[in-house]
PDB file of all heavy atoms in Angstrom:
ATOM      1  N   LEU A   1      26.607  67.447 -18.121  1.00  0.00           N
ATOM      2  CA  LEU A   1      25.758  66.510 -17.374  1.00  0.00           C
ATOM      3  C   LEU A   1      25.126  65.521 -18.295  1.00  0.00           C
ATOM      4  O   LEU A   1      25.151  64.273 -18.036  1.00  0.00           O
ATOM      5  CB  LEU A   1      24.671  67.296 -16.599  1.00  0.00           C
ATOM      6  CG  LEU A   1      23.632  66.504 -15.865  1.00  0.00           C
ATOM      7  CD1 LEU A   1      24.251  65.569 -14.786  1.00  0.00           C
ATOM      8  CD2 LEU A   1      22.594  67.438 -15.206  1.00  0.00           C
ATOM      9  N   ALA A   2      24.604  65.969 -19.403  1.00  0.00           N
ATOM     10  CA  ALA A   2      23.952  65.039 -20.422  1.00  0.00           C
ATOM     11  C   ALA A   2      24.996  64.060 -20.918  1.00  0.00           C
ATOM     12  O   ALA A   2      24.706  62.867 -21.055  1.00  0.00           O
ATOM     13  CB  ALA A   2      23.397  65.834 -21.570  1.00  0.00           C
ATOM     14  N   SER A   3      26.205  64.520 -21.210  1.00  0.00           N
ATOM     15  CA  SER A   3      27.248  63.606 -21.731  1.00  0.00           C
ATOM     16  C   SER A   3      27.655  62.572 -20.666  1.00  0.00           C
ATOM     17  O   SER A   3      27.859  61.414 -21.017  1.00  0.00           O
ATOM     18  CB  SER A   3      28.456  64.436 -22.140  1.00  0.00           C
ATOM     19  OG  SER A   3      28.138  65.282 -23.217  1.00  0.00           O
ATOM     20  N   SER A   4      27.728  62.992 -19.464  1.00  0.00           N
ATOM     21  CA  SER A   4      28.082  62.058 -18.379  1.00  0.00           C
ATOM     22  C   SER A   4      27.059  60.969 -18.211  1.00  0.00           C
ATOM     23  O   SER A   4      27.351  59.773 -18.077  1.00  0.00           O
ATOM     24  CB  SER A   4      28.298  62.822 -17.069  1.00  0.00           C
ATOM     25  OG  SER A   4      28.679  61.959 -16.040  1.00  0.00           O
ATOM     26  N   ILE A   5      25.798  61.364 -18.219  1.00  0.00           N
ATOM     27  CA  ILE A   5      24.709  60.354 -18.056  1.00  0.00           C
ATOM     28  C   ILE A   5      24.673  59.435 -19.307  1.00  0.00           C
ATOM     29  O   ILE A   5      24.676  58.208 -19.170  1.00  0.00           O
ATOM     30  CB  ILE A   5      23.355  61.054 -17.885  1.00  0.00           C
ATOM     31  CG1 ILE A   5      23.324  61.827 -16.566  1.00  0.00           C
ATOM     32  CG2 ILE A   5      22.235  60.012 -17.920  1.00  0.00           C
ATOM     33  CD1 ILE A   5      22.065  62.731 -16.396  1.00  0.00           C
ATOM     34  N   HIS A   6      24.816  60.055 -20.502  1.00  0.00           N
ATOM     35  CA  HIS A   6      24.812  59.271 -21.735  1.00  0.00           C
ATOM     36  C   HIS A   6      25.887  58.225 -21.691  1.00  0.00           C
ATOM     37  O   HIS A   6      25.719  57.084 -22.018  1.00  0.00           O
ATOM     38  CB  HIS A   6      25.009  60.232 -22.924  1.00  0.00           C
ATOM     39  CG  HIS A   6      25.400  59.582 -24.206  1.00  0.00           C
ATOM     40  ND1 HIS A   6      26.730  59.386 -24.564  1.00  0.00           N
ATOM     41  CD2 HIS A   6      24.667  59.020 -25.187  1.00  0.00           C
ATOM     42  CE1 HIS A   6      26.771  58.753 -25.721  1.00  0.00           C
ATOM     43  NE2 HIS A   6      25.548  58.527 -26.140  1.00  0.00           N
ATOM     44  N   ASP A   7      27.143  58.648 -21.354  1.00  0.00           N
ATOM     45  CA  ASP A   7      28.272  57.730 -21.384  1.00  0.00           C
ATOM     46  C   ASP A   7      28.067  56.533 -20.439  1.00  0.00           C
ATOM     47  O   ASP A   7      28.405  55.396 -20.720  1.00  0.00           O
ATOM     48  CB  ASP A   7      29.537  58.503 -21.019  1.00  0.00           C
ATOM     49  CG  ASP A   7      29.969  59.478 -22.103  1.00  0.00           C
ATOM     50  OD1 ASP A   7      29.342  59.494 -23.201  1.00  0.00           O
ATOM     51  OD2 ASP A   7      30.886  60.283 -21.832  1.00  0.00           O
ATOM     52  N   ASN A   8      27.535  56.844 -19.257  1.00  0.00           N
ATOM     53  CA  ASN A   8      27.269  55.785 -18.287  1.00  0.00           C
ATOM     54  C   ASN A   8      26.175  54.834 -18.749  1.00  0.00           C
ATOM     55  O   ASN A   8      26.320  53.600 -18.543  1.00  0.00           O
ATOM     56  CB  ASN A   8      26.870  56.358 -16.908  1.00  0.00           C
ATOM     57  CG  ASN A   8      28.125  56.698 -16.103  1.00  0.00           C
ATOM     58  OD1 ASN A   8      28.628  55.862 -15.355  1.00  0.00           O
ATOM     59  ND2 ASN A   8      28.588  57.921 -16.207  1.00  0.00           N
ATOM     60  N   VAL A   9      25.107  55.334 -19.361  1.00  0.00           N
ATOM     61  CA  VAL A   9      24.067  54.476 -19.879  1.00  0.00           C
ATOM     62  C   VAL A   9      24.577  53.618 -21.055  1.00  0.00           C
ATOM     63  O   VAL A   9      24.300  52.423 -21.142  1.00  0.00           O
ATOM     64  CB  VAL A   9      22.845  55.301 -20.286  1.00  0.00           C
ATOM     65  CG1 VAL A   9      21.805  54.422 -20.996  1.00  0.00           C
ATOM     66  CG2 VAL A   9      22.226  55.882 -19.055  1.00  0.00           C
ATOM     67  N   CYS A  10      25.435  54.187 -21.901  1.00  0.00           N
ATOM     68  CA  CYS A  10      25.996  53.405 -23.029  1.00  0.00           C
ATOM     69  C   CYS A  10      26.818  52.265 -22.527  1.00  0.00           C
ATOM     70  O   CYS A  10      26.796  51.160 -23.101  1.00  0.00           O
ATOM     71  CB  CYS A  10      26.838  54.329 -23.909  1.00  0.00           C
ATOM     72  SG  CYS A  10      25.915  55.399 -24.983  1.00  0.00           S
ATOM     73  N   LEU A  11      27.589  52.492 -21.439  1.00  0.00           N
ATOM     74  CA  LEU A  11      28.383  51.397 -20.881  1.00  0.00           C
ATOM     75  C   LEU A  11      27.539  50.361 -20.204  1.00  0.00           C
ATOM     76  O   LEU A  11      27.815  49.141 -20.327  1.00  0.00           O
ATOM     77  CB  LEU A  11      29.376  51.980 -19.845  1.00  0.00           C
ATOM     78  CG  LEU A  11      30.551  52.743 -20.408  1.00  0.00           C
ATOM     79  CD1 LEU A  11      31.304  53.420 -19.287  1.00  0.00           C
ATOM     80  CD2 LEU A  11      31.475  51.856 -21.230  1.00  0.00           C
ATOM     81  N   ALA A  12      26.504  50.726 -19.486  1.00  0.00           N
ATOM     82  CA  ALA A  12      25.724  49.794 -18.734  1.00  0.00           C
ATOM     83  C   ALA A  12      24.669  49.047 -19.571  1.00  0.00           C
ATOM     84  O   ALA A  12      24.346  47.866 -19.291  1.00  0.00           O
ATOM     85  CB  ALA A  12      25.023  50.539 -17.575  1.00  0.00           C
ATOM     86  N   VAL A  13      24.101  49.705 -20.566  1.00  0.00           N
ATOM     87  CA  VAL A  13      22.995  49.130 -21.344  1.00  0.00           C
ATOM     88  C   VAL A  13      23.291  49.380 -22.822  1.00  0.00           C
ATOM     89  O   VAL A  13      22.617  50.191 -23.494  1.00  0.00           O
ATOM     90  CB  VAL A  13      21.635  49.787 -20.935  1.00  0.00           C
ATOM     91  CG1 VAL A  13      20.488  49.004 -21.565  1.00  0.00           C
ATOM     92  CG2 VAL A  13      21.479  49.806 -19.453  1.00  0.00           C
ATOM     93  N   ASN A  14      24.279  48.661 -23.342  1.00  0.00           N
ATOM     94  CA  ASN A  14      24.671  48.868 -24.733  1.00  0.00           C
ATOM     95  C   ASN A  14      23.750  48.234 -25.754  1.00  0.00           C
ATOM     96  O   ASN A  14      23.951  48.337 -26.939  1.00  0.00           O
ATOM     97  CB  ASN A  14      26.134  48.475 -24.970  1.00  0.00           C
ATOM     98  CG  ASN A  14      26.347  47.009 -24.710  1.00  0.00           C
ATOM     99  OD1 ASN A  14      25.436  46.234 -24.538  1.00  0.00           O
ATOM    100  ND2 ASN A  14      27.615  46.635 -24.684  1.00  0.00           N
ATOM    101  N   SER A  15      22.717  47.557 -25.241  1.00  0.00           N
ATOM    102  CA  SER A  15      21.757  46.900 -26.164  1.00  0.00           C
ATOM    103  C   SER A  15      20.654  47.857 -26.710  1.00  0.00           C
ATOM    104  O   SER A  15      19.924  47.509 -27.602  1.00  0.00           O
ATOM    105  CB  SER A  15      21.104  45.685 -25.475  1.00  0.00           C
ATOM    106  OG  SER A  15      20.662  46.083 -24.193  1.00  0.00           O
ATOM    107  N   ILE A  16      20.643  49.077 -26.148  1.00  0.00           N
ATOM    108  CA  ILE A  16      19.746  50.134 -26.730  1.00  0.00           C
ATOM    109  C   ILE A  16      20.687  51.060 -27.489  1.00  0.00           C
ATOM    110  O   ILE A  16      21.598  51.588 -26.962  1.00  0.00           O
ATOM    111  CB  ILE A  16      18.952  50.853 -25.662  1.00  0.00           C
ATOM    112  CG1 ILE A  16      17.970  49.951 -24.956  1.00  0.00           C
ATOM    113  CG2 ILE A  16      18.169  52.022 -26.293  1.00  0.00           C
ATOM    114  CD1 ILE A  16      17.150  50.581 -23.860  1.00  0.00           C
ATOM    115  N   LYS A  17      20.320  51.348 -28.715  1.00  0.00           N
ATOM    116  CA  LYS A  17      21.111  52.273 -29.562  1.00  0.00           C
ATOM    117  C   LYS A  17      21.167  53.658 -28.982  1.00  0.00           C
ATOM    118  O   LYS A  17      20.213  54.178 -28.423  1.00  0.00           O
ATOM    119  CB  LYS A  17      20.465  52.307 -30.955  1.00  0.00           C
ATOM    120  CG  LYS A  17      21.102  53.323 -31.893  1.00  0.00           C
ATOM    121  CD  LYS A  17      20.373  53.311 -33.204  1.00  0.00           C
ATOM    122  CE  LYS A  17      19.459  54.481 -33.254  1.00  0.00           C
ATOM    123  NZ  LYS A  17      18.791  54.673 -34.581  1.00  0.00           N
ATOM    124  N   SER A  18      22.330  54.324 -29.053  1.00  0.00           N
ATOM    125  CA  SER A  18      22.470  55.684 -28.691  1.00  0.00           C
ATOM    126  C   SER A  18      22.078  56.612 -29.776  1.00  0.00           C
ATOM    127  O   SER A  18      22.607  56.501 -30.904  1.00  0.00           O
ATOM    128  CB  SER A  18      23.918  55.959 -28.228  1.00  0.00           C
ATOM    129  OG  SER A  18      24.084  57.349 -28.086  1.00  0.00           O
ATOM    130  N   ARG A  19      21.181  57.557 -29.521  1.00  0.00           N
ATOM    131  CA  ARG A  19      20.861  58.611 -30.440  1.00  0.00           C
ATOM    132  C   ARG A  19      21.657  59.908 -30.085  1.00  0.00           C
ATOM    133  O   ARG A  19      21.504  60.914 -30.746  1.00  0.00           O
ATOM    134  CB  ARG A  19      19.370  58.900 -30.442  1.00  0.00           C
ATOM    135  CG  ARG A  19      18.529  57.691 -30.889  1.00  0.00           C
ATOM    136  CD  ARG A  19      17.063  57.843 -30.601  1.00  0.00           C
ATOM    137  NE  ARG A  19      16.431  58.918 -31.244  1.00  0.00           N
ATOM    138  CZ  ARG A  19      15.804  58.875 -32.433  1.00  0.00           C
ATOM    139  NH1 ARG A  19      15.749  57.742 -33.065  1.00  0.00           N
ATOM    140  NH2 ARG A  19      15.242  59.954 -32.910  1.00  0.00           N
ATOM    141  N   GLY A  20      22.439  59.784 -29.000  1.00  0.00           N
ATOM    142  CA  GLY A  20      23.386  60.858 -28.672  1.00  0.00           C
ATOM    143  C   GLY A  20      22.876  61.879 -27.692  1.00  0.00           C
ATOM    144  O   GLY A  20      21.799  61.777 -27.100  1.00  0.00           O
ATOM    145  N   VAL A  21      23.762  62.873 -27.501  1.00  0.00           N
ATOM    146  CA  VAL A  21      23.477  64.073 -26.652  1.00  0.00           C
ATOM    147  C   VAL A  21      23.129  65.227 -27.625  1.00  0.00           C
ATOM    148  O   VAL A  21      23.878  65.490 -28.504  1.00  0.00           O
ATOM    149  CB  VAL A  21      24.792  64.367 -25.841  1.00  0.00           C
ATOM    150  CG1 VAL A  21      24.609  65.656 -25.061  1.00  0.00           C
ATOM    151  CG2 VAL A  21      25.093  63.197 -24.940  1.00  0.00           C
ATOM    152  N   LYS A  22      21.972  65.789 -27.388  1.00  0.00           N
ATOM    153  CA  LYS A  22      21.454  66.748 -28.352  1.00  0.00           C
ATOM    154  C   LYS A  22      21.106  68.084 -27.688  1.00  0.00           C
ATOM    155  O   LYS A  22      20.385  68.092 -26.694  1.00  0.00           O
ATOM    156  CB  LYS A  22      20.207  66.184 -29.052  1.00  0.00           C
ATOM    157  CG  LYS A  22      20.482  64.881 -29.807  1.00  0.00           C
ATOM    158  CD  LYS A  22      19.198  64.380 -30.450  1.00  0.00           C
ATOM    159  CE  LYS A  22      19.485  63.160 -31.277  1.00  0.00           C
ATOM    160  NZ  LYS A  22      18.269  62.631 -31.893  1.00  0.00           N
ATOM    161  N   PRO A  23      21.493  69.191 -28.351  1.00  0.00           N
ATOM    162  CA  PRO A  23      21.072  70.509 -27.838  1.00  0.00           C
ATOM    163  C   PRO A  23      19.644  70.827 -28.232  1.00  0.00           C
ATOM    164  O   PRO A  23      19.184  70.343 -29.263  1.00  0.00           O
ATOM    165  CB  PRO A  23      22.056  71.468 -28.586  1.00  0.00           C
ATOM    166  CG  PRO A  23      22.381  70.760 -29.837  1.00  0.00           C
ATOM    167  CD  PRO A  23      22.370  69.267 -29.516  1.00  0.00           C
ATOM    168  N   ARG A  24      18.999  71.572 -27.430  1.00  0.00           N
ATOM    169  CA  ARG A  24      17.611  72.056 -27.704  1.00  0.00           C
ATOM    170  C   ARG A  24      17.687  73.583 -27.860  1.00  0.00           C
ATOM    171  O   ARG A  24      18.485  74.255 -27.167  1.00  0.00           O
ATOM    172  CB  ARG A  24      16.623  71.702 -26.638  1.00  0.00           C
ATOM    173  CG  ARG A  24      16.486  70.244 -26.255  1.00  0.00           C
ATOM    174  CD  ARG A  24      16.428  69.233 -27.342  1.00  0.00           C
ATOM    175  NE  ARG A  24      15.470  69.355 -28.386  1.00  0.00           N
ATOM    176  CZ  ARG A  24      15.509  68.691 -29.544  1.00  0.00           C
ATOM    177  NH1 ARG A  24      16.441  67.813 -29.784  1.00  0.00           N
ATOM    178  NH2 ARG A  24      14.607  68.857 -30.461  1.00  0.00           N
ATOM    179  N   PHE A  25      16.792  74.099 -28.707  1.00  0.00           N
ATOM    180  CA  PHE A  25      16.734  75.511 -28.998  1.00  0.00           C
ATOM    181  C   PHE A  25      15.321  76.032 -28.759  1.00  0.00           C
ATOM    182  O   PHE A  25      14.419  75.226 -28.560  1.00  0.00           O
ATOM    183  CB  PHE A  25      17.144  75.747 -30.457  1.00  0.00           C
ATOM    184  CG  PHE A  25      18.560  75.257 -30.742  1.00  0.00           C
ATOM    185  CD1 PHE A  25      18.768  73.968 -31.178  1.00  0.00           C
ATOM    186  CD2 PHE A  25      19.634  76.087 -30.590  1.00  0.00           C
ATOM    187  CE1 PHE A  25      20.063  73.503 -31.469  1.00  0.00           C
ATOM    188  CE2 PHE A  25      20.933  75.669 -30.839  1.00  0.00           C
ATOM    189  CZ  PHE A  25      21.122  74.363 -31.282  1.00  0.00           C
ATOM    190  N   PRO A  26      15.136  77.357 -28.735  1.00  0.00           N
ATOM    191  CA  PRO A  26      13.758  77.892 -28.514  1.00  0.00           C
ATOM    192  C   PRO A  26      12.772  77.218 -29.439  1.00  0.00           C
ATOM    193  O   PRO A  26      13.031  77.056 -30.644  1.00  0.00           O
ATOM    194  CB  PRO A  26      13.916  79.379 -28.804  1.00  0.00           C
ATOM    195  CG  PRO A  26      15.352  79.680 -28.484  1.00  0.00           C
ATOM    196  CD  PRO A  26      16.120  78.433 -28.914  1.00  0.00           C
ATOM    197  N   GLY A  27      11.637  76.802 -28.907  1.00  0.00           N
ATOM    198  CA  GLY A  27      10.608  76.197 -29.695  1.00  0.00           C
ATOM    199  C   GLY A  27      10.694  74.650 -29.841  1.00  0.00           C
ATOM    200  O   GLY A  27       9.758  74.030 -30.239  1.00  0.00           O
ATOM    201  N   ASP A  28      11.901  74.083 -29.517  1.00  0.00           N
ATOM    202  CA  ASP A  28      12.062  72.618 -29.589  1.00  0.00           C
ATOM    203  C   ASP A  28      11.281  71.983 -28.465  1.00  0.00           C
ATOM    204  O   ASP A  28      11.109  72.585 -27.377  1.00  0.00           O
ATOM    205  CB  ASP A  28      13.513  72.232 -29.444  1.00  0.00           C
ATOM    206  CG  ASP A  28      14.357  72.497 -30.675  1.00  0.00           C
ATOM    207  OD1 ASP A  28      13.770  72.796 -31.766  1.00  0.00           O
ATOM    208  OD2 ASP A  28      15.565  72.473 -30.587  1.00  0.00           O
ATOM    209  N   ARG A  29      10.913  70.697 -28.608  1.00  0.00           N
ATOM    210  CA  ARG A  29      10.294  69.996 -27.479  1.00  0.00           C
ATOM    211  C   ARG A  29      11.287  69.963 -26.364  1.00  0.00           C
ATOM    212  O   ARG A  29      12.475  69.737 -26.547  1.00  0.00           O
ATOM    213  CB  ARG A  29       9.813  68.623 -27.921  1.00  0.00           C
ATOM    214  CG  ARG A  29      10.848  67.556 -27.941  1.00  0.00           C
ATOM    215  CD  ARG A  29      10.345  66.217 -28.413  1.00  0.00           C
ATOM    216  NE  ARG A  29      11.376  65.449 -29.017  1.00  0.00           N
ATOM    217  CZ  ARG A  29      12.192  64.623 -28.330  1.00  0.00           C
ATOM    218  NH1 ARG A  29      12.023  64.472 -27.020  1.00  0.00           N
ATOM    219  NH2 ARG A  29      13.193  64.041 -28.922  1.00  0.00           N
ATOM    220  N   GLY A  30      10.777  70.163 -25.154  1.00  0.00           N
ATOM    221  CA  GLY A  30      11.630  70.178 -23.950  1.00  0.00           C
ATOM    222  C   GLY A  30      12.286  71.516 -23.650  1.00  0.00           C
ATOM    223  O   GLY A  30      12.891  71.677 -22.624  1.00  0.00           O
ATOM    224  N   SER A  31      12.150  72.466 -24.528  1.00  0.00           N
ATOM    225  CA  SER A  31      12.898  73.716 -24.370  1.00  0.00           C
ATOM    226  C   SER A  31      12.422  74.490 -23.155  1.00  0.00           C
ATOM    227  O   SER A  31      13.246  75.155 -22.489  1.00  0.00           O
ATOM    228  CB  SER A  31      12.809  74.624 -25.596  1.00  0.00           C
ATOM    229  OG  SER A  31      11.520  74.990 -25.893  1.00  0.00           O
ATOM    230  N   GLU A  32      11.142  74.368 -22.770  1.00  0.00           N
ATOM    231  CA  GLU A  32      10.642  75.116 -21.597  1.00  0.00           C
ATOM    232  C   GLU A  32      11.313  74.624 -20.325  1.00  0.00           C
ATOM    233  O   GLU A  32      11.644  75.387 -19.451  1.00  0.00           O
ATOM    234  CB  GLU A  32       9.122  75.061 -21.510  1.00  0.00           C
ATOM    235  CG  GLU A  32       8.480  75.937 -22.592  1.00  0.00           C
ATOM    236  CD  GLU A  32       6.988  76.112 -22.353  1.00  0.00           C
ATOM    237  OE1 GLU A  32       6.595  76.515 -21.263  1.00  0.00           O
ATOM    238  OE2 GLU A  32       6.231  75.834 -23.323  1.00  0.00           O
TER     239      GLU A  32
END
């Protein structure tokens, strides 16, 4: 899902740099 959204945003708005699709682990921000 993250990759699909990322790819569509990269095509539509290529003027913002992509920092990529990133996994989160226990304790990372957003992990909850």
